[in-house]
Amino acid sequence: GYVTFAVNQWPPLADFLGIKDDHQVQGAVMVGYPKFSYKRIPQRNKADIVFFT
């Protein structure tokens, strides 16, 4: 939400990222490794996921 809104509303950011004027950002994914590791991650129930193929 924040990245797509910012890129579409602030032309200097779109220019910095190389987005053409006639294009629009529809989504963004941030990937990588965290700089810090968290020692006390809260316990959570196992996710109940069903995959359809």
PDB file of N, CA and C in Angstrom:
ATOM      1  N   GLY A   1       0.775  -1.194   0.000  1.00  0.00           N
ATOM      2  CA  GLY A   1       0.000   0.000   0.000  1.00  0.00           C
ATOM      3  C   GLY A   1       0.824   1.270   0.000  1.00  0.00           C
ATOM      4  N   TYR A   2       1.755   1.393   0.940  1.00  0.00           N
ATOM      5  CA  TYR A   2       2.522   2.632   1.056  1.00  0.00           C
ATOM      6  C   TYR A   2       3.404   2.868  -0.164  1.00  0.00           C
ATOM      7  N   VAL A   3       4.083   1.831  -0.621  1.00  0.00           N
ATOM      8  CA  VAL A   3       5.006   1.985  -1.752  1.00  0.00           C
ATOM      9  C   VAL A   3       4.237   2.307  -3.026  1.00  0.00           C
ATOM     10  N   THR A   4       3.178   1.565  -3.297  1.00  0.00           N
ATOM     11  CA  THR A   4       2.423   1.812  -4.527  1.00  0.00           C
ATOM     12  C   THR A   4       1.819   3.215  -4.528  1.00  0.00           C
ATOM     13  N   PHE A   5       1.291   3.638  -3.397  1.00  0.00           N
ATOM     14  CA  PHE A   5       0.719   4.984  -3.309  1.00  0.00           C
ATOM     15  C   PHE A   5       1.794   6.040  -3.526  1.00  0.00           C
ATOM     16  N   ALA A   6       2.920   5.887  -2.844  1.00  0.00           N
ATOM     17  CA  ALA A   6       3.987   6.883  -2.938  1.00  0.00           C
ATOM     18  C   ALA A   6       4.529   6.995  -4.358  1.00  0.00           C
ATOM     19  N   VAL A   7       4.767   5.864  -5.007  1.00  0.00           N
ATOM     20  CA  VAL A   7       5.316   5.890  -6.368  1.00  0.00           C
ATOM     21  C   VAL A   7       4.328   6.525  -7.337  1.00  0.00           C
ATOM     22  N   ASN A   8       3.057   6.218  -7.186  1.00  0.00           N
ATOM     23  CA  ASN A   8       2.054   6.756  -8.108  1.00  0.00           C
ATOM     24  C   ASN A   8       1.723   8.223  -7.850  1.00  0.00           C
ATOM     25  N   GLN A   9       1.982   8.720  -6.650  1.00  0.00           N
ATOM     26  CA  GLN A   9       1.631  10.097  -6.316  1.00  0.00           C
ATOM     27  C   GLN A   9       2.814  11.057  -6.313  1.00  0.00           C
ATOM     28  N   TRP A  10       4.040  10.534  -6.274  1.00  0.00           N
ATOM     29  CA  TRP A  10       5.218  11.398  -6.155  1.00  0.00           C
ATOM     30  C   TRP A  10       6.164  11.132  -7.316  1.00  0.00           C
ATOM     31  N   PRO A  11       6.087  11.919  -8.377  1.00  0.00           N
ATOM     32  CA  PRO A  11       6.891  11.685  -9.582  1.00  0.00           C
ATOM     33  C   PRO A  11       8.397  11.553  -9.355  1.00  0.00           C
ATOM     34  N   PRO A  12       9.025  12.305  -8.422  1.00  0.00           N
ATOM     35  CA  PRO A  12      10.466  12.106  -8.228  1.00  0.00           C
ATOM     36  C   PRO A  12      10.824  10.674  -7.805  1.00  0.00           C
ATOM     37  N   LEU A  13       9.968  10.030  -7.033  1.00  0.00           N
ATOM     38  CA  LEU A  13      10.225   8.646  -6.629  1.00  0.00           C
ATOM     39  C   LEU A  13      10.083   7.706  -7.820  1.00  0.00           C
ATOM     40  N   ALA A  14       9.070   7.924  -8.634  1.00  0.00           N
ATOM     41  CA  ALA A  14       8.891   7.108  -9.832  1.00  0.00           C
ATOM     42  C   ALA A  14      10.082   7.273 -10.771  1.00  0.00           C
ATOM     43  N   ASP A  15      10.576   8.491 -10.921  1.00  0.00           N
ATOM     44  CA  ASP A  15      11.759   8.728 -11.753  1.00  0.00           C
ATOM     45  C   ASP A  15      12.975   8.005 -11.189  1.00  0.00           C
ATOM     46  N   PHE A  16      13.154   8.074  -9.875  1.00  0.00           N
ATOM     47  CA  PHE A  16      14.282   7.408  -9.221  1.00  0.00           C
ATOM     48  C   PHE A  16      14.247   5.899  -9.458  1.00  0.00           C
ATOM     49  N   LEU A  17      13.048   5.316  -9.445  1.00  0.00           N
ATOM     50  CA  LEU A  17      12.897   3.875  -9.639  1.00  0.00           C
ATOM     51  C   LEU A  17      12.840   3.474 -11.112  1.00  0.00           C
ATOM     52  N   GLY A  18      12.824   4.454 -12.005  1.00  0.00           N
ATOM     53  CA  GLY A  18      12.805   4.155 -13.433  1.00  0.00           C
ATOM     54  C   GLY A  18      11.438   3.798 -13.980  1.00  0.00           C
ATOM     55  N   ILE A  19      10.374   4.244 -13.313  1.00  0.00           N
ATOM     56  CA  ILE A  19       9.011   3.985 -13.776  1.00  0.00           C
ATOM     57  C   ILE A  19       8.663   5.026 -14.841  1.00  0.00           C
ATOM     58  N   LYS A  20       8.239   4.591 -16.005  1.00  0.00           N
ATOM     59  CA  LYS A  20       7.897   5.508 -17.092  1.00  0.00           C
ATOM     60  C   LYS A  20       6.627   6.285 -16.760  1.00  0.00           C
ATOM     61  N   ASP A  21       6.494   7.465 -17.376  1.00  0.00           N
ATOM     62  CA  ASP A  21       5.338   8.332 -17.106  1.00  0.00           C
ATOM     63  C   ASP A  21       4.009   7.688 -17.475  1.00  0.00           C
ATOM     64  N   ASP A  22       4.001   6.832 -18.490  1.00  0.00           N
ATOM     65  CA  ASP A  22       2.746   6.207 -18.914  1.00  0.00           C
ATOM     66  C   ASP A  22       2.511   4.846 -18.255  1.00  0.00           C
ATOM     67  N   HIS A  23       3.252   4.556 -17.190  1.00  0.00           N
ATOM     68  CA  HIS A  23       3.079   3.316 -16.435  1.00  0.00           C
ATOM     69  C   HIS A  23       2.587   3.637 -15.025  1.00  0.00           C
ATOM     70  N   GLN A  24       1.985   2.637 -14.389  1.00  0.00           N
ATOM     71  CA  GLN A  24       1.479   2.796 -13.028  1.00  0.00           C
ATOM     72  C   GLN A  24       1.854   1.561 -12.224  1.00  0.00           C
ATOM     73  N   VAL A  25       2.301   1.762 -11.005  1.00  0.00           N
ATOM     74  CA  VAL A  25       2.665   0.654 -10.123  1.00  0.00           C
ATOM     75  C   VAL A  25       1.394   0.083  -9.510  1.00  0.00           C
ATOM     76  N   GLN A  26       1.236  -1.238  -9.588  1.00  0.00           N
ATOM     77  CA  GLN A  26       0.057  -1.916  -9.055  1.00  0.00           C
ATOM     78  C   GLN A  26       0.364  -2.720  -7.798  1.00  0.00           C
ATOM     79  N   GLY A  27       1.625  -3.002  -7.551  1.00  0.00           N
ATOM     80  CA  GLY A  27       1.978  -3.778  -6.371  1.00  0.00           C
ATOM     81  C   GLY A  27       3.471  -3.733  -6.135  1.00  0.00           C
ATOM     82  N   ALA A  28       3.878  -4.071  -4.926  1.00  0.00           N
ATOM     83  CA  ALA A  28       5.293  -4.086  -4.570  1.00  0.00           C
ATOM     84  C   ALA A  28       5.538  -5.208  -3.573  1.00  0.00           C
ATOM     85  N   VAL A  29       6.700  -5.823  -3.682  1.00  0.00           N
ATOM     86  CA  VAL A  29       7.090  -6.887  -2.763  1.00  0.00           C
ATOM     87  C   VAL A  29       8.474  -6.554  -2.227  1.00  0.00           C
ATOM     88  N   MET A  30       8.620  -6.582  -0.925  1.00  0.00           N
ATOM     89  CA  MET A  30       9.925  -6.354  -0.317  1.00  0.00           C
ATOM     90  C   MET A  30      10.505  -7.699   0.087  1.00  0.00           C
ATOM     91  N   VAL A  31      11.701  -7.972  -0.398  1.00  0.00           N
ATOM     92  CA  VAL A  31      12.360  -9.238  -0.109  1.00  0.00           C
ATOM     93  C   VAL A  31      13.754  -8.972   0.435  1.00  0.00           C
ATOM     94  N   GLY A  32      14.292  -9.962   1.106  1.00  0.00           N
ATOM     95  CA  GLY A  32      15.643  -9.833   1.631  1.00  0.00           C
ATOM     96  C   GLY A  32      15.760 -10.507   2.980  1.00  0.00           C
ATOM     97  N   TYR A  33      16.850 -10.229   3.625  1.00  0.00           N
ATOM     98  CA  TYR A  33      17.120 -10.790   4.938  1.00  0.00           C
ATOM     99  C   TYR A  33      17.065  -9.676   5.973  1.00  0.00           C
ATOM    100  N   PRO A  34      16.479  -9.949   7.138  1.00  0.00           N
ATOM    101  CA  PRO A  34      16.387  -8.905   8.157  1.00  0.00           C
ATOM    102  C   PRO A  34      17.757  -8.542   8.725  1.00  0.00           C
ATOM    103  N   LYS A  35      17.923  -7.287   9.057  1.00  0.00           N
ATOM    104  CA  LYS A  35      19.171  -6.826   9.660  1.00  0.00           C
ATOM    105  C   LYS A  35      19.280  -7.320  11.103  1.00  0.00           C
ATOM    106  N   PHE A  36      18.160  -7.407  11.786  1.00  0.00           N
ATOM    107  CA  PHE A  36      18.137  -7.826  13.180  1.00  0.00           C
ATOM    108  C   PHE A  36      17.324  -9.104  13.319  1.00  0.00           C
ATOM    109  N   SER A  37      17.704  -9.953  14.244  1.00  0.00           N
ATOM    110  CA  SER A  37      16.899 -11.140  14.538  1.00  0.00           C
ATOM    111  C   SER A  37      16.185 -10.915  15.868  1.00  0.00           C
ATOM    112  N   TYR A  38      14.968 -11.401  15.922  1.00  0.00           N
ATOM    113  CA  TYR A  38      14.156 -11.211  17.113  1.00  0.00           C
ATOM    114  C   TYR A  38      14.218 -12.471  17.960  1.00  0.00           C
ATOM    115  N   LYS A  39      14.589 -12.311  19.198  1.00  0.00           N
ATOM    116  CA  LYS A  39      14.791 -13.457  20.089  1.00  0.00           C
ATOM    117  C   LYS A  39      13.493 -13.956  20.709  1.00  0.00           C
ATOM    118  N   ARG A  40      12.513 -13.098  20.826  1.00  0.00           N
ATOM    119  CA  ARG A  40      11.274 -13.480  21.509  1.00  0.00           C
ATOM    120  C   ARG A  40      10.076 -13.361  20.582  1.00  0.00           C
ATOM    121  N   ILE A  41      10.044 -14.178  19.563  1.00  0.00           N
ATOM    122  CA  ILE A  41       8.899 -14.201  18.661  1.00  0.00           C
ATOM    123  C   ILE A  41       7.753 -14.905  19.386  1.00  0.00           C
ATOM    124  N   PRO A  42       6.555 -14.319  19.409  1.00  0.00           N
ATOM    125  CA  PRO A  42       5.446 -14.936  20.142  1.00  0.00           C
ATOM    126  C   PRO A  42       5.036 -16.282  19.550  1.00  0.00           C
ATOM    127  N   GLN A  43       4.628 -17.190  20.410  1.00  0.00           N
ATOM    128  CA  GLN A  43       4.132 -18.495  19.981  1.00  0.00           C
ATOM    129  C   GLN A  43       2.807 -18.300  19.255  1.00  0.00           C
ATOM    130  N   ARG A  44       2.636 -19.019  18.151  1.00  0.00           N
ATOM    131  CA  ARG A  44       1.395 -18.930  17.394  1.00  0.00           C
ATOM    132  C   ARG A  44       0.924 -20.323  17.045  1.00  0.00           C
ATOM    133  N   ASN A  45      -0.383 -20.445  16.840  1.00  0.00           N
ATOM    134  CA  ASN A  45      -0.928 -21.716  16.389  1.00  0.00           C
ATOM    135  C   ASN A  45      -0.473 -21.979  14.960  1.00  0.00           C
ATOM    136  N   LYS A  46      -0.356 -23.249  14.609  1.00  0.00           N
ATOM    137  CA  LYS A  46       0.021 -23.609  13.256  1.00  0.00           C
ATOM    138  C   LYS A  46      -1.080 -23.158  12.292  1.00  0.00           C
ATOM    139  N   ALA A  47      -0.682 -22.602  11.149  1.00  0.00           N
ATOM    140  CA  ALA A  47      -1.647 -22.116  10.164  1.00  0.00           C
ATOM    141  C   ALA A  47      -2.378 -23.286   9.515  1.00  0.00           C
ATOM    142  N   ASP A  48      -3.677 -23.134   9.355  1.00  0.00           N
ATOM    143  CA  ASP A  48      -4.496 -24.144   8.695  1.00  0.00           C
ATOM    144  C   ASP A  48      -4.682 -23.708   7.242  1.00  0.00           C
ATOM    145  N   ILE A  49      -3.833 -24.234   6.352  1.00  0.00           N
ATOM    146  CA  ILE A  49      -3.811 -23.810   4.955  1.00  0.00           C
ATOM    147  C   ILE A  49      -4.224 -24.967   4.061  1.00  0.00           C
ATOM    148  N   VAL A  50      -5.081 -24.679   3.097  1.00  0.00           N
ATOM    149  CA  VAL A  50      -5.511 -25.676   2.118  1.00  0.00           C
ATOM    150  C   VAL A  50      -5.079 -25.183   0.740  1.00  0.00           C
ATOM    151  N   PHE A  51      -4.328 -26.011   0.008  1.00  0.00           N
ATOM    152  CA  PHE A  51      -3.884 -25.670  -1.342  1.00  0.00           C
ATOM    153  C   PHE A  51      -4.768 -26.383  -2.352  1.00  0.00           C
ATOM    154  N   PHE A  52      -5.232 -25.656  -3.342  1.00  0.00           N
ATOM    155  CA  PHE A  52      -6.024 -26.229  -4.425  1.00  0.00           C
ATOM    156  C   PHE A  52      -5.157 -26.280  -5.672  1.00  0.00           C
ATOM    157  N   THR A  53      -5.140 -27.443  -6.333  1.00  0.00           N
ATOM    158  CA  THR A  53      -4.347 -27.553  -7.564  1.00  0.00           C
ATOM    159  C   THR A  53      -5.228 -27.911  -8.733  1.00  0.00           C
TER     160      THR A  53
END
